[in-house]
Amino acid sequence: MLEHKRLIRFGSKIALKHVVTGRFLSSKGINYETGSNQQMVFCSGWQPDRQYDFWIVIPPHKQYRQSGGLVPFNSIIGLKHQQTGLNLHSHGGIESPITRQQEVTCFGDSNEENNWILQRYSKTSIYDNSGYWAVGDTISLRHDHAHAKKSLMSHDFILNNGYQEVTCHADGHEENHKWVVEILE
């Protein structure tokens, strides 16, 4: 029964921690001044902030999943920022402000650029995608868009507002591509 409660489901509220830096994926009503001018996504504190660091696991664009249904590995998901109601989003061709990697934002319209492939983290292109996503699993999220299949990452590069930059970059096998759910509601 305890293992059952640790499983992440569609509709779950989660706090997603960047493994290497120990900071939580976050957003708030701040927009980029360059690039897309959309709402920033960044990593901030070492403790989750209930107002800004919680994301709701949702089905991919134009697909239905039963609320409460388990989330299998190698499936496509979306993440909706709880506080603003905007979707974790990326798009090829728009560079991040510091490293010039693929920009990651929160965006309101539902579209395919909000889809992410959920995989267990692997240093190689061989993934153990058996089973279901649970608290404590080390994962990578790869952007599921035809022109931009890069992986969600963060690093110690700091934006001018003091937050840690979040981008999409490379194929998902670097240490900076590792994420873990610390809190599940």
Protein backbone atom coordinates (compact mmCIF):
# COMPACT_ATOMS: atom_id res chain seq x y z
CA MET A 1 0.00 0.00 0.00
CA LEU A 2 2.85 2.43 0.77
CA GLU A 3 4.32 1.94 -2.72
CA HIS A 4 0.87 2.63 -4.21
CA LYS A 5 0.81 6.10 -2.59
CA ARG A 6 4.24 6.98 -4.05
CA LEU A 7 3.08 6.48 -7.65
CA ILE A 8 2.53 9.60 -9.72
CA ARG A 9 -0.79 9.88 -11.52
CA PHE A 10 -2.41 12.17 -14.04
CA GLY A 11 -3.70 15.05 -11.93
CA SER A 12 -0.92 14.70 -9.30
CA LYS A 13 0.72 17.88 -8.01
CA ILE A 14 4.48 17.50 -7.90
CA ALA A 15 7.62 19.45 -7.02
CA LEU A 16 10.38 18.56 -9.48
CA LYS A 17 13.96 18.88 -8.24
CA HIS A 18 17.02 19.28 -10.46
CA VAL A 19 19.37 16.57 -9.16
CA VAL A 20 22.74 18.22 -9.85
CA THR A 21 22.01 21.66 -8.39
CA GLY A 22 19.34 20.64 -5.85
CA ARG A 23 16.97 23.44 -6.87
CA PHE A 24 13.29 23.15 -7.78
CA LEU A 25 11.66 23.78 -11.17
CA SER A 26 9.69 26.99 -10.82
CA SER A 27 7.87 29.79 -12.56
CA LYS A 28 6.01 32.97 -11.65
CA GLY A 29 4.56 35.92 -13.52
CA ILE A 30 7.90 37.11 -14.94
CA ASN A 31 8.36 37.15 -18.71
CA TYR A 32 11.56 37.00 -20.72
CA GLU A 33 12.55 40.38 -22.13
CA THR A 34 14.04 38.68 -25.21
CA GLY A 35 13.30 35.56 -27.24
CA SER A 36 9.64 34.54 -27.03
CA ASN A 37 8.75 37.11 -24.33
CA GLN A 38 6.79 34.29 -22.65
CA GLN A 39 6.74 33.46 -18.93
CA MET A 40 10.13 32.34 -17.56
CA VAL A 41 10.82 28.87 -16.24
CA PHE A 42 13.79 28.60 -13.89
CA CYS A 43 15.09 26.78 -10.84
CA SER A 44 15.05 28.65 -7.56
CA GLY A 45 15.22 27.48 -3.94
CA TRP A 46 16.59 24.35 -2.31
CA GLN A 47 13.29 23.93 -0.50
CA PRO A 48 10.07 23.79 -2.55
CA ASP A 49 7.92 26.91 -2.53
CA ARG A 50 4.27 25.82 -2.51
CA GLN A 51 3.22 28.93 -4.44
CA TYR A 52 5.66 28.70 -7.37
CA ASP A 53 7.22 25.21 -7.51
CA PHE A 54 4.23 22.89 -7.98
CA TRP A 55 3.26 21.36 -11.32
CA ILE A 56 0.21 19.28 -12.25
CA VAL A 57 0.82 16.18 -14.39
CA ILE A 58 -1.54 16.38 -17.38
CA PRO A 59 -2.15 14.35 -20.55
CA PRO A 60 -0.40 15.34 -23.78
CA HIS A 61 -2.01 17.77 -26.20
CA LYS A 62 -5.28 16.47 -27.72
CA GLN A 63 -5.24 13.25 -25.70
CA TYR A 64 -7.40 12.12 -22.81
CA ARG A 65 -6.18 10.29 -19.74
CA GLN A 66 -8.35 9.36 -16.78
CA SER A 67 -7.55 11.61 -13.81
CA GLY A 68 -5.89 9.37 -11.25
CA GLY A 69 -4.50 7.04 -13.92
CA LEU A 70 -0.90 5.89 -13.44
CA VAL A 71 1.85 7.48 -15.57
CA PRO A 72 3.93 4.81 -17.35
CA PHE A 73 7.52 5.44 -18.36
CA ASN A 74 8.10 6.26 -22.02
CA SER A 75 4.74 8.03 -22.19
CA ILE A 76 4.10 11.58 -23.29
CA ILE A 77 2.94 13.98 -20.60
CA GLY A 78 2.39 17.66 -19.99
CA LEU A 79 3.14 19.71 -16.89
CA LYS A 80 0.84 22.59 -15.95
CA HIS A 81 2.19 25.20 -13.53
CA GLN A 82 -0.23 25.13 -10.61
CA GLN A 83 -0.07 28.83 -9.70
CA THR A 84 -0.32 30.38 -13.18
CA GLY A 85 -2.16 27.59 -15.04
CA LEU A 86 0.34 27.77 -17.91
CA ASN A 87 2.02 24.75 -19.52
CA LEU A 88 5.72 23.82 -19.47
CA HIS A 89 6.67 24.69 -23.02
CA SER A 90 9.59 24.86 -25.40
CA HIS A 91 10.11 25.53 -29.09
CA GLY A 92 13.02 25.12 -31.45
CA GLY A 93 14.70 28.19 -32.85
CA ILE A 94 14.37 30.47 -29.82
CA GLU A 95 17.51 30.72 -27.69
CA SER A 96 17.76 31.03 -23.93
CA PRO A 97 19.24 34.35 -22.74
CA ILE A 98 22.44 33.09 -21.04
CA THR A 99 23.67 29.88 -22.73
CA ARG A 100 21.83 30.29 -26.08
CA GLN A 101 20.34 26.82 -25.73
CA GLN A 102 16.66 26.11 -26.50
CA GLU A 103 14.40 28.39 -24.45
CA VAL A 104 11.91 26.86 -21.96
CA THR A 105 8.85 28.83 -20.89
CA CYS A 106 5.33 28.56 -19.54
CA PHE A 107 2.69 29.12 -22.20
CA GLY A 108 -1.11 29.19 -22.07
CA ASP A 109 -2.24 27.68 -25.35
CA SER A 110 -2.43 23.91 -25.48
CA ASN A 111 -0.26 22.61 -28.31
CA GLU A 112 2.31 19.94 -29.18
CA GLU A 113 5.16 22.09 -27.89
CA ASN A 114 3.88 21.33 -24.37
CA ASN A 115 4.48 17.57 -24.76
CA TRP A 116 7.34 15.84 -22.93
CA ILE A 117 8.53 12.22 -23.14
CA LEU A 118 8.97 10.80 -19.63
CA GLN A 119 11.94 8.43 -19.35
CA ARG A 120 14.04 6.95 -16.57
CA TYR A 121 17.37 8.73 -16.67
CA SER A 122 20.10 6.83 -18.53
CA LYS A 123 23.68 7.71 -19.44
CA THR A 124 23.19 5.85 -22.72
CA SER A 125 20.41 5.59 -25.29
CA ILE A 126 19.20 2.39 -23.62
CA TYR A 127 16.36 3.18 -21.21
CA ASP A 128 14.64 0.99 -18.64
CA ASN A 129 11.16 2.29 -19.33
CA SER A 130 9.31 -0.47 -17.54
CA GLY A 131 6.82 0.33 -14.81
CA TYR A 132 5.26 3.53 -13.59
CA TRP A 133 6.64 6.88 -12.46
CA ALA A 134 7.07 7.18 -8.68
CA VAL A 135 8.46 9.65 -6.17
CA GLY A 136 12.24 9.30 -6.06
CA ASP A 137 12.71 7.98 -9.63
CA THR A 138 15.49 9.80 -11.48
CA ILE A 139 14.00 10.90 -14.78
CA SER A 140 14.70 12.90 -17.91
CA LEU A 141 12.06 14.81 -19.84
CA ARG A 142 12.62 15.07 -23.58
CA HIS A 143 10.69 17.68 -25.53
CA ASP A 144 8.40 15.81 -27.93
CA HIS A 145 8.38 18.12 -30.90
CA ALA A 146 9.40 17.16 -34.43
CA HIS A 147 12.01 19.91 -34.73
CA ALA A 148 13.33 19.97 -31.18
CA LYS A 149 13.71 16.65 -29.34
CA LYS A 150 16.05 18.10 -26.73
CA SER A 151 15.93 17.38 -23.00
CA LEU A 152 14.92 19.59 -20.09
CA MET A 153 17.96 20.68 -18.12
CA SER A 154 19.33 23.24 -15.74
CA HIS A 155 22.81 24.26 -14.64
CA ASP A 156 24.61 26.82 -12.48
CA PHE A 157 24.16 29.63 -15.03
CA ILE A 158 22.23 32.41 -13.31
CA LEU A 159 19.79 34.77 -15.04
CA ASN A 160 20.01 38.49 -14.29
CA ASN A 161 17.16 38.15 -11.75
CA GLY A 162 19.18 35.64 -9.69
CA TYR A 163 17.31 32.50 -10.81
CA GLN A 164 19.00 29.47 -12.33
CA GLU A 165 18.46 29.10 -16.10
CA VAL A 166 16.37 26.17 -17.39
CA THR A 167 16.72 25.14 -21.04
CA CYS A 168 16.36 22.24 -23.44
CA HIS A 169 19.64 20.85 -24.69
CA ALA A 170 21.14 17.65 -26.12
CA ASP A 171 19.69 14.14 -25.98
CA GLY A 172 19.05 13.58 -22.26
CA HIS A 173 22.12 11.64 -21.18
CA GLU A 174 24.03 14.39 -19.37
CA GLU A 175 24.06 14.81 -15.59
CA ASN A 176 22.25 18.14 -15.98
CA HIS A 177 19.24 16.30 -17.47
CA LYS A 178 18.45 14.50 -14.19
CA TRP A 179 15.25 15.38 -12.31
CA VAL A 180 13.44 13.75 -9.40
CA VAL A 181 10.01 14.27 -7.82
CA GLU A 182 10.50 15.18 -4.16
CA ILE A 183 6.90 15.99 -3.22
CA LEU A 184 3.65 14.47 -4.42
CA GLU A 185 0.17 15.69 -3.51
